[in-house]
């Protein structure tokens, strides 16, 4: 899969991916609106080109308050994200080219007020979706929000995703309607963060194309 060219679908304003991006960006705006005053921290896991977070921070009044780290394995996409952040004057946004599954990449910036898991859950196994949600108890600050996405194709995993978040101390704030053509969710962490497990792997990235073949 050429993940750089895959992002070209966002350039079509009518595509489901673009519509999903708009919903994610709106939820990021609302999360920033609701966040407490003062410095904020954000992490984006499998950040791609950073269109969701960078696009909002560039124009939101709370943008200067946010220290963010975007982790993306594809060097070309990471370069696009870094250039977008530089062009927007977001000098507190760091882009790391590396394996986003490794917990070490988030050391020093978690627990965070905002955790983005967008574009991930459709590219890993169901077991790893549940496993990754378990790690949000180490990634999220008290009251922190996790914004996530997942397709709604059968078998629809979104209800189970919501149940897994609840089991790990998160309360739902928003889940898109089943007929939206995509799934976007926001969960707020109400628990106490656990220490970050160093050297751990949260998931194995498989890719939606491989998963479809395996599940056919």
N, C-alpha and C. Protein backbone atom coordinates (compact mmCIF):
# COMPACT_ATOMS: atom_id res chain seq x y z
N UNK A 1 0.84 -1.19 0.00
CA UNK A 1 0.00 0.00 0.00
C UNK A 1 0.88 1.25 0.00
N UNK A 2 0.61 2.15 -0.93
CA UNK A 2 1.29 3.44 -0.98
C UNK A 2 0.50 4.42 -0.11
N UNK A 3 0.94 4.59 1.13
CA UNK A 3 0.15 5.37 2.08
C UNK A 3 0.20 6.87 1.80
N UNK A 4 1.20 7.31 1.05
CA UNK A 4 1.21 8.72 0.69
C UNK A 4 0.13 9.02 -0.34
N UNK A 5 0.04 8.23 -1.41
CA UNK A 5 -0.98 8.47 -2.42
C UNK A 5 -2.38 8.20 -1.87
N UNK A 6 -2.48 7.29 -0.91
CA UNK A 6 -3.78 7.01 -0.28
C UNK A 6 -4.37 8.28 0.32
N UNK A 7 -3.51 9.15 0.86
CA UNK A 7 -3.99 10.39 1.45
C UNK A 7 -4.57 11.35 0.42
N UNK A 8 -4.33 11.10 -0.86
CA UNK A 8 -4.89 11.95 -1.89
C UNK A 8 -6.41 11.94 -1.91
N UNK A 9 -7.02 10.90 -1.33
CA UNK A 9 -8.48 10.85 -1.27
C UNK A 9 -9.05 12.01 -0.46
N UNK A 10 -8.25 12.57 0.44
CA UNK A 10 -8.72 13.72 1.22
C UNK A 10 -8.88 14.97 0.36
N UNK A 11 -8.31 14.96 -0.84
CA UNK A 11 -8.42 16.13 -1.70
C UNK A 11 -9.76 16.19 -2.43
N UNK A 12 -10.52 15.11 -2.35
CA UNK A 12 -11.87 15.08 -2.93
C UNK A 12 -12.86 15.51 -1.86
N UNK A 13 -13.47 16.70 -1.98
CA UNK A 13 -14.35 17.19 -0.92
C UNK A 13 -15.59 16.34 -0.69
N UNK A 14 -15.92 15.48 -1.65
CA UNK A 14 -17.12 14.65 -1.50
C UNK A 14 -16.83 13.25 -1.01
N UNK A 15 -15.56 12.91 -0.82
CA UNK A 15 -15.22 11.55 -0.43
C UNK A 15 -15.61 11.29 1.03
N UNK A 16 -15.93 10.02 1.36
CA UNK A 16 -16.22 9.69 2.76
C UNK A 16 -15.06 10.04 3.69
N UNK A 17 -13.83 9.90 3.22
CA UNK A 17 -12.68 10.23 4.06
C UNK A 17 -12.65 11.71 4.41
N UNK A 18 -12.97 12.56 3.43
CA UNK A 18 -12.99 13.99 3.70
C UNK A 18 -14.12 14.34 4.65
N UNK A 19 -15.27 13.72 4.48
CA UNK A 19 -16.38 13.98 5.40
C UNK A 19 -16.03 13.51 6.81
N UNK A 20 -15.36 12.38 6.90
CA UNK A 20 -14.93 11.90 8.22
C UNK A 20 -13.91 12.86 8.84
N UNK A 21 -12.99 13.36 8.02
CA UNK A 21 -11.99 14.30 8.52
C UNK A 21 -12.65 15.54 9.10
N UNK A 22 -13.69 16.04 8.44
CA UNK A 22 -14.38 17.22 8.96
C UNK A 22 -14.98 16.95 10.34
N UNK A 23 -15.54 15.76 10.51
CA UNK A 23 -16.13 15.41 11.82
C UNK A 23 -15.03 15.32 12.87
N UNK A 24 -13.92 14.67 12.54
CA UNK A 24 -12.81 14.56 13.49
C UNK A 24 -12.30 15.94 13.87
N UNK A 25 -12.12 16.81 12.89
CA UNK A 25 -11.62 18.16 13.18
C UNK A 25 -12.60 18.92 14.07
N UNK A 26 -13.88 18.78 13.83
CA UNK A 26 -14.86 19.46 14.67
C UNK A 26 -14.79 18.93 16.10
N UNK A 27 -14.57 17.64 16.26
CA UNK A 27 -14.47 17.08 17.61
C UNK A 27 -13.18 17.52 18.30
N UNK A 28 -12.12 17.72 17.55
CA UNK A 28 -10.90 18.27 18.14
C UNK A 28 -11.15 19.69 18.61
N UNK A 29 -11.84 20.48 17.78
CA UNK A 29 -12.16 21.85 18.19
C UNK A 29 -12.96 21.87 19.49
N UNK A 30 -13.97 21.01 19.56
CA UNK A 30 -14.80 20.97 20.76
C UNK A 30 -14.00 20.51 21.97
N UNK A 31 -13.09 19.56 21.77
CA UNK A 31 -12.25 19.11 22.88
C UNK A 31 -11.35 20.24 23.38
N UNK A 32 -10.81 21.03 22.47
CA UNK A 32 -9.99 22.17 22.87
C UNK A 32 -10.84 23.24 23.57
N UNK A 33 -12.04 23.44 23.08
CA UNK A 33 -12.94 24.40 23.72
C UNK A 33 -13.23 24.02 25.17
N UNK A 34 -13.36 22.70 25.40
CA UNK A 34 -13.74 22.22 26.72
C UNK A 34 -12.56 22.00 27.65
N UNK A 35 -11.34 22.07 27.13
CA UNK A 35 -10.15 21.77 27.92
C UNK A 35 -9.90 22.88 28.95
N UNK A 36 -9.30 22.54 30.08
CA UNK A 36 -9.00 23.55 31.10
C UNK A 36 -7.97 24.56 30.59
N UNK A 37 -7.97 25.72 31.20
CA UNK A 37 -7.00 26.75 30.83
C UNK A 37 -5.58 26.27 31.13
N UNK A 38 -4.63 26.82 30.38
CA UNK A 38 -3.23 26.48 30.61
C UNK A 38 -2.68 25.56 29.54
N UNK A 39 -1.45 25.09 29.73
CA UNK A 39 -0.81 24.22 28.73
C UNK A 39 -1.57 22.91 28.54
N UNK A 40 -1.58 22.43 27.31
CA UNK A 40 -2.24 21.18 26.96
C UNK A 40 -1.25 20.29 26.21
N UNK A 41 -1.50 18.98 26.30
CA UNK A 41 -0.64 18.03 25.60
C UNK A 41 -1.50 17.12 24.72
N UNK A 42 -0.98 16.81 23.54
CA UNK A 42 -1.70 15.94 22.62
C UNK A 42 -0.74 14.98 21.95
N UNK A 43 -1.23 13.76 21.68
CA UNK A 43 -0.46 12.80 20.91
C UNK A 43 -1.36 12.23 19.82
N UNK A 44 -0.76 11.98 18.66
CA UNK A 44 -1.48 11.38 17.54
C UNK A 44 -0.73 10.14 17.12
N UNK A 45 -1.42 9.00 17.16
CA UNK A 45 -0.83 7.69 16.91
C UNK A 45 -1.19 7.25 15.49
N UNK A 46 -0.18 6.90 14.69
CA UNK A 46 -0.36 6.69 13.26
C UNK A 46 -0.96 7.95 12.65
N UNK A 47 -0.21 9.03 12.75
CA UNK A 47 -0.73 10.37 12.47
C UNK A 47 -0.90 10.67 10.99
N UNK A 48 -0.34 9.86 10.11
CA UNK A 48 -0.44 10.16 8.69
C UNK A 48 0.19 11.50 8.38
N UNK A 49 -0.53 12.33 7.64
CA UNK A 49 -0.06 13.66 7.29
C UNK A 49 -0.50 14.72 8.28
N UNK A 50 -1.11 14.30 9.38
CA UNK A 50 -1.47 15.24 10.44
C UNK A 50 -2.56 16.22 10.07
N UNK A 51 -3.35 15.88 9.06
CA UNK A 51 -4.36 16.84 8.59
C UNK A 51 -5.40 17.15 9.66
N UNK A 52 -5.70 16.19 10.51
CA UNK A 52 -6.73 16.42 11.52
C UNK A 52 -6.25 17.40 12.58
N UNK A 53 -5.17 17.08 13.28
CA UNK A 53 -4.72 17.90 14.40
C UNK A 53 -4.06 19.19 13.94
N UNK A 54 -3.15 19.12 12.98
CA UNK A 54 -2.46 20.33 12.52
C UNK A 54 -3.45 21.31 11.92
N UNK A 55 -4.41 20.79 11.18
CA UNK A 55 -5.40 21.67 10.57
C UNK A 55 -6.21 22.47 11.57
N UNK A 56 -6.46 21.88 12.73
CA UNK A 56 -7.23 22.58 13.77
C UNK A 56 -6.33 23.51 14.59
N UNK A 57 -5.17 23.03 15.00
CA UNK A 57 -4.28 23.85 15.82
C UNK A 57 -3.86 25.12 15.09
N UNK A 58 -3.79 25.06 13.77
CA UNK A 58 -3.36 26.22 12.99
C UNK A 58 -4.32 27.39 13.11
N UNK A 59 -5.60 27.10 13.44
CA UNK A 59 -6.57 28.19 13.46
C UNK A 59 -7.32 28.33 14.79
N UNK A 60 -7.13 27.41 15.71
CA UNK A 60 -7.88 27.45 16.96
C UNK A 60 -7.18 28.37 17.98
N UNK A 61 -7.94 29.15 18.77
CA UNK A 61 -7.32 30.03 19.77
C UNK A 61 -6.46 29.30 20.78
N UNK A 62 -6.74 28.01 21.04
CA UNK A 62 -5.95 27.25 22.00
C UNK A 62 -4.71 26.61 21.36
N UNK A 63 -4.55 26.77 20.06
CA UNK A 63 -3.41 26.17 19.37
C UNK A 63 -2.08 26.45 20.03
N UNK A 64 -1.79 27.70 20.42
CA UNK A 64 -0.49 27.99 21.05
C UNK A 64 -0.29 27.31 22.40
N UNK A 65 -1.39 26.84 23.02
CA UNK A 65 -1.29 26.19 24.33
C UNK A 65 -0.90 24.72 24.21
N UNK A 66 -0.95 24.16 23.00
CA UNK A 66 -0.83 22.73 22.81
C UNK A 66 0.59 22.33 22.42
N UNK A 67 1.16 21.44 23.21
CA UNK A 67 2.39 20.74 22.83
C UNK A 67 1.97 19.37 22.31
N UNK A 68 2.33 19.06 21.08
CA UNK A 68 1.83 17.83 20.46
C UNK A 68 2.97 17.02 19.87
N UNK A 69 2.75 15.72 19.85
CA UNK A 69 3.69 14.81 19.18
C UNK A 69 2.89 13.90 18.26
N UNK A 70 3.25 13.92 16.99
CA UNK A 70 2.63 13.09 15.98
C UNK A 70 3.63 12.00 15.60
N UNK A 71 3.20 10.75 15.65
CA UNK A 71 4.09 9.63 15.35
C UNK A 71 3.56 8.90 14.11
N UNK A 72 4.41 8.79 13.10
CA UNK A 72 4.02 8.20 11.82
C UNK A 72 5.20 7.44 11.22
N UNK A 73 4.95 6.20 10.79
CA UNK A 73 6.02 5.36 10.27
C UNK A 73 6.45 5.76 8.86
N UNK A 74 5.48 6.13 8.01
CA UNK A 74 5.79 6.47 6.62
C UNK A 74 6.52 7.82 6.57
N UNK A 75 7.76 7.80 6.11
CA UNK A 75 8.59 9.00 6.15
C UNK A 75 8.03 10.12 5.27
N UNK A 76 7.41 9.76 4.15
CA UNK A 76 6.86 10.79 3.27
C UNK A 76 5.69 11.50 3.93
N UNK A 77 4.81 10.74 4.56
CA UNK A 77 3.68 11.35 5.25
C UNK A 77 4.14 12.17 6.45
N UNK A 78 5.13 11.66 7.16
CA UNK A 78 5.67 12.40 8.31
C UNK A 78 6.25 13.73 7.85
N UNK A 79 6.91 13.72 6.70
CA UNK A 79 7.50 14.96 6.18
C UNK A 79 6.41 15.97 5.83
N UNK A 80 5.31 15.50 5.27
CA UNK A 80 4.19 16.40 4.97
C UNK A 80 3.63 17.00 6.26
N UNK A 81 3.46 16.16 7.27
CA UNK A 81 2.95 16.65 8.55
C UNK A 81 3.88 17.69 9.16
N UNK A 82 5.18 17.43 9.12
CA UNK A 82 6.15 18.36 9.70
C UNK A 82 6.15 19.68 8.95
N UNK A 83 6.07 19.64 7.62
CA UNK A 83 6.06 20.86 6.83
C UNK A 83 4.77 21.65 7.08
N UNK A 84 3.65 20.96 7.22
CA UNK A 84 2.39 21.63 7.50
C UNK A 84 2.45 22.35 8.84
N UNK A 85 3.04 21.70 9.84
CA UNK A 85 3.17 22.33 11.16
C UNK A 85 4.09 23.54 11.08
N UNK A 86 5.19 23.42 10.36
CA UNK A 86 6.11 24.55 10.22
C UNK A 86 5.43 25.72 9.50
N UNK A 87 4.71 25.42 8.43
CA UNK A 87 4.05 26.46 7.66
C UNK A 87 3.00 27.19 8.48
N UNK A 88 2.40 26.48 9.43
CA UNK A 88 1.38 27.09 10.29
C UNK A 88 1.97 27.77 11.51
N UNK A 89 3.29 27.73 11.66
CA UNK A 89 3.93 28.36 12.80
C UNK A 89 3.73 27.60 14.10
N UNK A 90 3.48 26.31 14.00
CA UNK A 90 3.22 25.49 15.20
C UNK A 90 4.53 24.90 15.70
N UNK A 91 5.31 25.71 16.39
CA UNK A 91 6.63 25.25 16.82
C UNK A 91 6.59 24.32 18.02
N UNK A 92 5.40 24.10 18.57
CA UNK A 92 5.26 23.15 19.67
C UNK A 92 4.70 21.81 19.19
N UNK A 93 4.64 21.63 17.89
CA UNK A 93 4.20 20.37 17.30
C UNK A 93 5.43 19.62 16.79
N UNK A 94 5.65 18.43 17.32
CA UNK A 94 6.78 17.59 16.94
C UNK A 94 6.27 16.41 16.13
N UNK A 95 6.92 16.12 15.02
CA UNK A 95 6.58 14.95 14.21
C UNK A 95 7.72 13.94 14.31
N UNK A 96 7.39 12.73 14.74
CA UNK A 96 8.37 11.66 14.89
C UNK A 96 8.14 10.62 13.81
N UNK A 97 9.17 10.32 13.04
CA UNK A 97 9.08 9.23 12.07
C UNK A 97 9.50 7.94 12.77
N UNK A 98 8.53 7.09 13.02
CA UNK A 98 8.82 5.86 13.75
C UNK A 98 7.59 5.01 13.91
N UNK A 99 7.77 3.87 14.53
CA UNK A 99 6.70 2.90 14.75
C UNK A 99 5.77 3.42 15.85
N UNK A 100 4.58 3.82 15.45
CA UNK A 100 3.64 4.42 16.41
C UNK A 100 3.13 3.43 17.44
N UNK A 101 3.36 2.15 17.23
CA UNK A 101 2.91 1.15 18.19
C UNK A 101 3.77 1.12 19.43
N UNK A 102 4.97 1.68 19.38
CA UNK A 102 5.92 1.61 20.49
C UNK A 102 5.62 2.68 21.52
N UNK A 103 5.42 2.27 22.74
CA UNK A 103 5.07 3.23 23.80
C UNK A 103 6.18 4.24 24.07
N UNK A 104 7.42 3.87 23.79
CA UNK A 104 8.54 4.77 24.09
C UNK A 104 8.43 6.10 23.35
N UNK A 105 7.75 6.11 22.22
CA UNK A 105 7.63 7.35 21.45
C UNK A 105 6.80 8.41 22.17
N UNK A 106 6.07 8.01 23.19
CA UNK A 106 5.16 8.95 23.86
C UNK A 106 5.68 9.37 25.23
N UNK A 107 6.86 8.87 25.58
CA UNK A 107 7.45 9.22 26.87
C UNK A 107 7.65 10.74 26.96
N UNK A 108 7.27 11.30 28.09
CA UNK A 108 7.44 12.72 28.31
C UNK A 108 6.27 13.56 27.88
N UNK A 109 5.33 12.97 27.14
CA UNK A 109 4.17 13.76 26.69
C UNK A 109 2.85 13.12 27.10
N UNK A 110 2.92 12.02 27.79
CA UNK A 110 1.71 11.41 28.35
C UNK A 110 1.86 11.31 29.86
N UNK A 111 0.74 11.37 30.56
CA UNK A 111 -0.64 11.38 30.06
C UNK A 111 -1.00 12.70 29.39
N UNK A 112 -1.76 12.61 28.31
CA UNK A 112 -2.08 13.75 27.47
C UNK A 112 -3.56 14.12 27.59
N UNK A 113 -3.84 15.37 27.27
CA UNK A 113 -5.22 15.86 27.30
C UNK A 113 -6.01 15.41 26.08
N UNK A 114 -5.30 15.10 25.01
CA UNK A 114 -5.96 14.68 23.77
C UNK A 114 -5.13 13.57 23.14
N UNK A 115 -5.79 12.44 22.87
CA UNK A 115 -5.15 11.30 22.22
C UNK A 115 -5.93 11.01 20.95
N UNK A 116 -5.23 10.98 19.82
CA UNK A 116 -5.87 10.71 18.54
C UNK A 116 -5.51 9.30 18.07
N UNK A 117 -6.54 8.51 17.82
CA UNK A 117 -6.41 7.17 17.27
C UNK A 117 -7.23 7.13 15.98
N UNK A 118 -6.88 7.97 15.06
CA UNK A 118 -7.66 8.13 13.83
C UNK A 118 -6.98 7.42 12.67
N UNK A 119 -7.73 6.58 11.99
CA UNK A 119 -7.17 5.82 10.89
C UNK A 119 -6.42 4.58 11.32
N UNK A 120 -6.53 4.21 12.59
CA UNK A 120 -5.78 3.06 13.11
C UNK A 120 -6.64 1.82 13.23
N UNK A 121 -7.82 1.93 13.83
CA UNK A 121 -8.60 0.75 14.20
C UNK A 121 -9.05 -0.09 13.00
N UNK A 122 -9.08 0.49 11.81
CA UNK A 122 -9.44 -0.29 10.63
C UNK A 122 -8.27 -1.02 10.02
N UNK A 123 -7.07 -0.83 10.59
CA UNK A 123 -5.86 -1.40 10.02
C UNK A 123 -5.17 -2.40 10.95
N UNK A 124 -5.82 -2.74 12.05
CA UNK A 124 -5.26 -3.70 13.00
C UNK A 124 -6.34 -4.71 13.36
N UNK A 125 -5.93 -5.80 13.96
CA UNK A 125 -6.88 -6.85 14.32
C UNK A 125 -7.82 -6.38 15.43
N UNK A 126 -8.95 -7.04 15.56
CA UNK A 126 -9.89 -6.69 16.62
C UNK A 126 -9.24 -6.84 17.99
N UNK A 127 -8.44 -7.88 18.15
CA UNK A 127 -7.76 -8.08 19.43
C UNK A 127 -6.82 -6.93 19.74
N UNK A 128 -6.16 -6.40 18.71
CA UNK A 128 -5.25 -5.28 18.94
C UNK A 128 -6.01 -3.97 19.14
N UNK A 129 -7.20 -3.86 18.58
CA UNK A 129 -8.04 -2.69 18.90
C UNK A 129 -8.31 -2.67 20.40
N UNK A 130 -8.74 -3.81 20.93
CA UNK A 130 -9.02 -3.90 22.36
C UNK A 130 -7.75 -3.65 23.17
N UNK A 131 -6.65 -4.20 22.73
CA UNK A 131 -5.38 -4.02 23.45
C UNK A 131 -4.97 -2.55 23.46
N UNK A 132 -5.10 -1.87 22.34
CA UNK A 132 -4.72 -0.47 22.25
C UNK A 132 -5.59 0.39 23.14
N UNK A 133 -6.87 0.10 23.17
CA UNK A 133 -7.77 0.84 24.06
C UNK A 133 -7.33 0.66 25.51
N UNK A 134 -6.85 -0.51 25.86
CA UNK A 134 -6.33 -0.73 27.21
C UNK A 134 -5.17 0.20 27.53
N UNK A 135 -4.34 0.50 26.53
CA UNK A 135 -3.20 1.39 26.76
C UNK A 135 -3.61 2.85 26.92
N UNK A 136 -4.84 3.19 26.57
CA UNK A 136 -5.25 4.59 26.76
C UNK A 136 -5.28 4.98 28.23
N UNK A 137 -5.34 4.01 29.13
CA UNK A 137 -5.27 4.34 30.56
C UNK A 137 -3.89 4.84 30.95
N UNK A 138 -2.90 4.60 30.09
CA UNK A 138 -1.55 5.14 30.30
C UNK A 138 -1.32 6.41 29.49
N UNK A 139 -2.09 6.59 28.44
CA UNK A 139 -1.88 7.71 27.53
C UNK A 139 -2.70 8.94 27.90
N UNK A 140 -3.84 8.75 28.56
CA UNK A 140 -4.79 9.85 28.80
C UNK A 140 -4.64 10.44 30.19
N UNK A 141 -4.67 11.75 30.26
CA UNK A 141 -4.74 12.45 31.54
C UNK A 141 -6.16 12.36 32.08
N UNK A 142 -6.36 12.57 33.39
CA UNK A 142 -7.72 12.62 33.92
C UNK A 142 -8.53 13.68 33.17
N UNK A 143 -9.68 13.27 32.67
CA UNK A 143 -10.49 14.18 31.88
C UNK A 143 -10.07 14.30 30.44
N UNK A 144 -8.97 13.62 30.07
CA UNK A 144 -8.49 13.66 28.69
C UNK A 144 -9.42 12.94 27.75
N UNK A 145 -9.37 13.34 26.51
CA UNK A 145 -10.27 12.78 25.50
C UNK A 145 -9.50 12.00 24.45
N UNK A 146 -10.05 10.86 24.09
CA UNK A 146 -9.55 10.06 22.98
C UNK A 146 -10.53 10.18 21.83
N UNK A 147 -10.02 10.57 20.67
CA UNK A 147 -10.84 10.64 19.46
C UNK A 147 -10.36 9.53 18.54
N UNK A 148 -11.29 8.71 18.06
CA UNK A 148 -10.92 7.53 17.29
C UNK A 148 -11.85 7.38 16.09
N UNK A 149 -11.42 6.58 15.13
CA UNK A 149 -12.24 6.30 13.96
C UNK A 149 -12.23 4.80 13.67
N UNK A 150 -13.27 4.38 12.96
CA UNK A 150 -13.37 2.98 12.54
C UNK A 150 -14.50 2.90 11.50
N UNK A 151 -14.31 2.09 10.47
CA UNK A 151 -15.37 1.92 9.47
C UNK A 151 -16.57 1.21 10.11
N UNK A 152 -17.72 1.28 9.44
CA UNK A 152 -18.94 0.65 9.96
C UNK A 152 -19.35 -0.57 9.15
N UNK A 153 -18.42 -1.12 8.35
CA UNK A 153 -18.76 -2.30 7.57
C UNK A 153 -18.99 -3.49 8.50
N UNK A 154 -19.83 -4.42 8.04
CA UNK A 154 -20.11 -5.63 8.81
C UNK A 154 -18.87 -6.53 8.85
N UNK A 155 -18.61 -7.14 9.99
CA UNK A 155 -19.32 -6.97 11.26
C UNK A 155 -18.88 -5.67 11.95
N UNK A 156 -19.84 -4.84 12.32
CA UNK A 156 -19.58 -3.52 12.86
C UNK A 156 -18.95 -3.64 14.25
N UNK A 157 -17.71 -3.16 14.38
CA UNK A 157 -17.00 -3.29 15.65
C UNK A 157 -17.26 -2.11 16.59
N UNK A 158 -17.91 -1.06 16.11
CA UNK A 158 -18.05 0.16 16.91
C UNK A 158 -18.72 -0.09 18.26
N UNK A 159 -19.82 -0.85 18.34
CA UNK A 159 -20.40 -1.10 19.67
C UNK A 159 -19.43 -1.75 20.64
N UNK A 160 -18.61 -2.67 20.15
CA UNK A 160 -17.63 -3.32 21.03
C UNK A 160 -16.53 -2.34 21.41
N UNK A 161 -16.13 -1.48 20.49
CA UNK A 161 -15.13 -0.46 20.81
C UNK A 161 -15.63 0.41 21.96
N UNK A 162 -16.88 0.83 21.87
CA UNK A 162 -17.45 1.66 22.95
C UNK A 162 -17.46 0.91 24.27
N UNK A 163 -17.79 -0.38 24.24
CA UNK A 163 -17.79 -1.19 25.46
C UNK A 163 -16.39 -1.32 26.03
N UNK A 164 -15.38 -1.48 25.17
CA UNK A 164 -13.99 -1.59 25.64
C UNK A 164 -13.53 -0.28 26.28
N UNK A 165 -13.89 0.84 25.68
CA UNK A 165 -13.54 2.12 26.29
C UNK A 165 -14.18 2.25 27.68
N UNK A 166 -15.45 1.90 27.77
CA UNK A 166 -16.13 2.00 29.06
C UNK A 166 -15.47 1.09 30.10
N UNK A 167 -15.07 -0.09 29.69
CA UNK A 167 -14.44 -1.02 30.62
C UNK A 167 -13.12 -0.49 31.15
N UNK A 168 -12.51 0.45 30.44
CA UNK A 168 -11.23 1.01 30.86
C UNK A 168 -11.37 2.44 31.39
N UNK A 169 -12.57 2.77 31.86
CA UNK A 169 -12.74 4.02 32.59
C UNK A 169 -13.02 5.24 31.73
N UNK A 170 -13.56 5.04 30.53
CA UNK A 170 -13.88 6.15 29.65
C UNK A 170 -15.39 6.29 29.51
N UNK A 171 -15.85 7.52 29.48
CA UNK A 171 -17.26 7.81 29.25
C UNK A 171 -17.44 8.34 27.83
N UNK A 172 -18.49 7.87 27.12
CA UNK A 172 -18.69 8.34 25.75
C UNK A 172 -19.19 9.77 25.73
N UNK A 173 -18.64 10.58 24.83
CA UNK A 173 -19.13 11.93 24.60
C UNK A 173 -19.79 12.07 23.24
N UNK A 174 -19.33 11.25 22.28
CA UNK A 174 -19.88 11.34 20.92
C UNK A 174 -19.56 10.07 20.17
N UNK A 175 -20.53 9.57 19.44
CA UNK A 175 -20.32 8.51 18.47
C UNK A 175 -21.19 8.84 17.26
N UNK A 176 -20.58 8.87 16.07
CA UNK A 176 -21.33 9.21 14.87
C UNK A 176 -22.43 8.18 14.60
N UNK A 177 -23.42 8.62 13.87
CA UNK A 177 -24.56 7.74 13.56
C UNK A 177 -24.14 6.58 12.66
N UNK A 178 -24.79 5.43 12.82
CA UNK A 178 -24.39 4.26 12.02
C UNK A 178 -24.49 4.48 10.51
N UNK A 179 -25.40 5.36 10.08
CA UNK A 179 -25.58 5.57 8.64
C UNK A 179 -24.71 6.69 8.09
N UNK A 180 -23.74 7.18 8.88
CA UNK A 180 -22.89 8.27 8.42
C UNK A 180 -21.92 7.82 7.33
N UNK A 181 -21.69 6.52 7.23
CA UNK A 181 -20.74 6.01 6.26
C UNK A 181 -19.35 5.82 6.83
N UNK A 182 -19.16 6.18 8.10
CA UNK A 182 -17.89 6.03 8.80
C UNK A 182 -18.19 6.13 10.29
N UNK A 183 -17.21 5.74 11.09
CA UNK A 183 -17.38 5.84 12.54
C UNK A 183 -16.37 6.79 13.15
N UNK A 184 -16.85 7.74 13.93
CA UNK A 184 -15.99 8.63 14.71
C UNK A 184 -16.51 8.63 16.13
N UNK A 185 -15.61 8.48 17.10
CA UNK A 185 -16.01 8.47 18.49
C UNK A 185 -15.11 9.35 19.35
N UNK A 186 -15.68 9.82 20.45
CA UNK A 186 -14.93 10.59 21.45
C UNK A 186 -15.25 10.01 22.81
N UNK A 187 -14.21 9.63 23.55
CA UNK A 187 -14.39 9.13 24.90
C UNK A 187 -13.52 9.92 25.87
N UNK A 188 -14.08 10.21 27.03
CA UNK A 188 -13.40 11.01 28.05
C UNK A 188 -12.97 10.11 29.19
N UNK A 189 -11.69 10.20 29.57
CA UNK A 189 -11.13 9.32 30.59
C UNK A 189 -11.48 9.87 31.98
N UNK A 190 -12.11 9.03 32.79
CA UNK A 190 -12.53 9.44 34.12
C UNK A 190 -11.71 8.77 35.22
N UNK A 191 -10.71 8.01 34.82
CA UNK A 191 -9.91 7.28 35.80
C UNK A 191 -8.61 7.98 36.15
N UNK A 192 -7.73 7.23 36.78
CA UNK A 192 -6.40 7.71 37.16
C UNK A 192 -5.38 7.05 36.23
N UNK A 193 -4.52 7.83 35.57
CA UNK A 193 -3.58 7.24 34.62
C UNK A 193 -2.62 6.25 35.28
N UNK A 194 -2.35 5.18 34.57
CA UNK A 194 -1.32 4.22 34.99
C UNK A 194 0.03 4.67 34.43
N UNK A 195 1.13 4.27 35.07
CA UNK A 195 2.45 4.61 34.52
C UNK A 195 2.64 4.03 33.13
N UNK A 196 3.36 4.75 32.29
CA UNK A 196 3.61 4.28 30.93
C UNK A 196 4.52 3.06 30.96
N UNK A 197 4.09 1.99 30.32
CA UNK A 197 4.89 0.77 30.21
C UNK A 197 5.95 0.97 29.13
N UNK A 198 7.18 1.03 29.51
CA UNK A 198 8.24 1.30 28.54
C UNK A 198 8.58 0.05 27.73
N UNK A 199 8.93 0.28 26.47
CA UNK A 199 9.35 -0.82 25.61
C UNK A 199 8.23 -1.74 25.18
N UNK A 200 6.98 -1.29 25.31
CA UNK A 200 5.84 -2.14 24.97
C UNK A 200 5.36 -1.84 23.55
N UNK A 201 4.71 -2.82 22.95
CA UNK A 201 4.09 -2.66 21.64
C UNK A 201 2.58 -2.75 21.81
N UNK A 202 1.86 -1.71 21.41
CA UNK A 202 0.43 -1.65 21.62
C UNK A 202 -0.35 -2.44 20.58
N UNK A 203 0.19 -2.53 19.35
CA UNK A 203 -0.53 -3.19 18.27
C UNK A 203 0.46 -3.56 17.17
N UNK A 204 -0.02 -4.38 16.23
CA UNK A 204 0.73 -4.67 15.01
C UNK A 204 -0.08 -4.14 13.84
N UNK A 205 0.50 -3.23 13.08
CA UNK A 205 -0.20 -2.63 11.95
C UNK A 205 -0.22 -3.61 10.79
N UNK A 206 -1.41 -3.98 10.34
CA UNK A 206 -1.57 -4.97 9.27
C UNK A 206 -1.94 -4.29 7.96
N UNK A 207 -2.87 -3.35 8.00
CA UNK A 207 -3.36 -2.69 6.80
C UNK A 207 -4.73 -3.19 6.43
N UNK A 208 -5.62 -2.27 6.07
CA UNK A 208 -7.00 -2.66 5.78
C UNK A 208 -7.08 -3.57 4.57
N UNK A 209 -6.17 -3.40 3.59
CA UNK A 209 -6.21 -4.23 2.39
C UNK A 209 -5.88 -5.68 2.72
N UNK A 210 -4.90 -5.88 3.59
CA UNK A 210 -4.55 -7.25 4.00
C UNK A 210 -5.64 -7.84 4.86
N UNK A 211 -6.20 -7.05 5.76
CA UNK A 211 -7.27 -7.55 6.62
C UNK A 211 -8.48 -8.00 5.81
N UNK A 212 -8.82 -7.25 4.77
CA UNK A 212 -9.95 -7.64 3.94
C UNK A 212 -9.70 -8.98 3.28
N UNK A 213 -8.49 -9.21 2.79
CA UNK A 213 -8.19 -10.50 2.17
C UNK A 213 -8.24 -11.62 3.20
N UNK A 214 -7.73 -11.37 4.37
CA UNK A 214 -7.72 -12.40 5.41
C UNK A 214 -9.13 -12.75 5.87
N UNK A 215 -10.02 -11.75 5.86
CA UNK A 215 -11.38 -11.98 6.36
C UNK A 215 -12.37 -12.34 5.26
N UNK A 216 -11.90 -12.39 4.02
CA UNK A 216 -12.80 -12.72 2.90
C UNK A 216 -13.26 -14.16 2.95
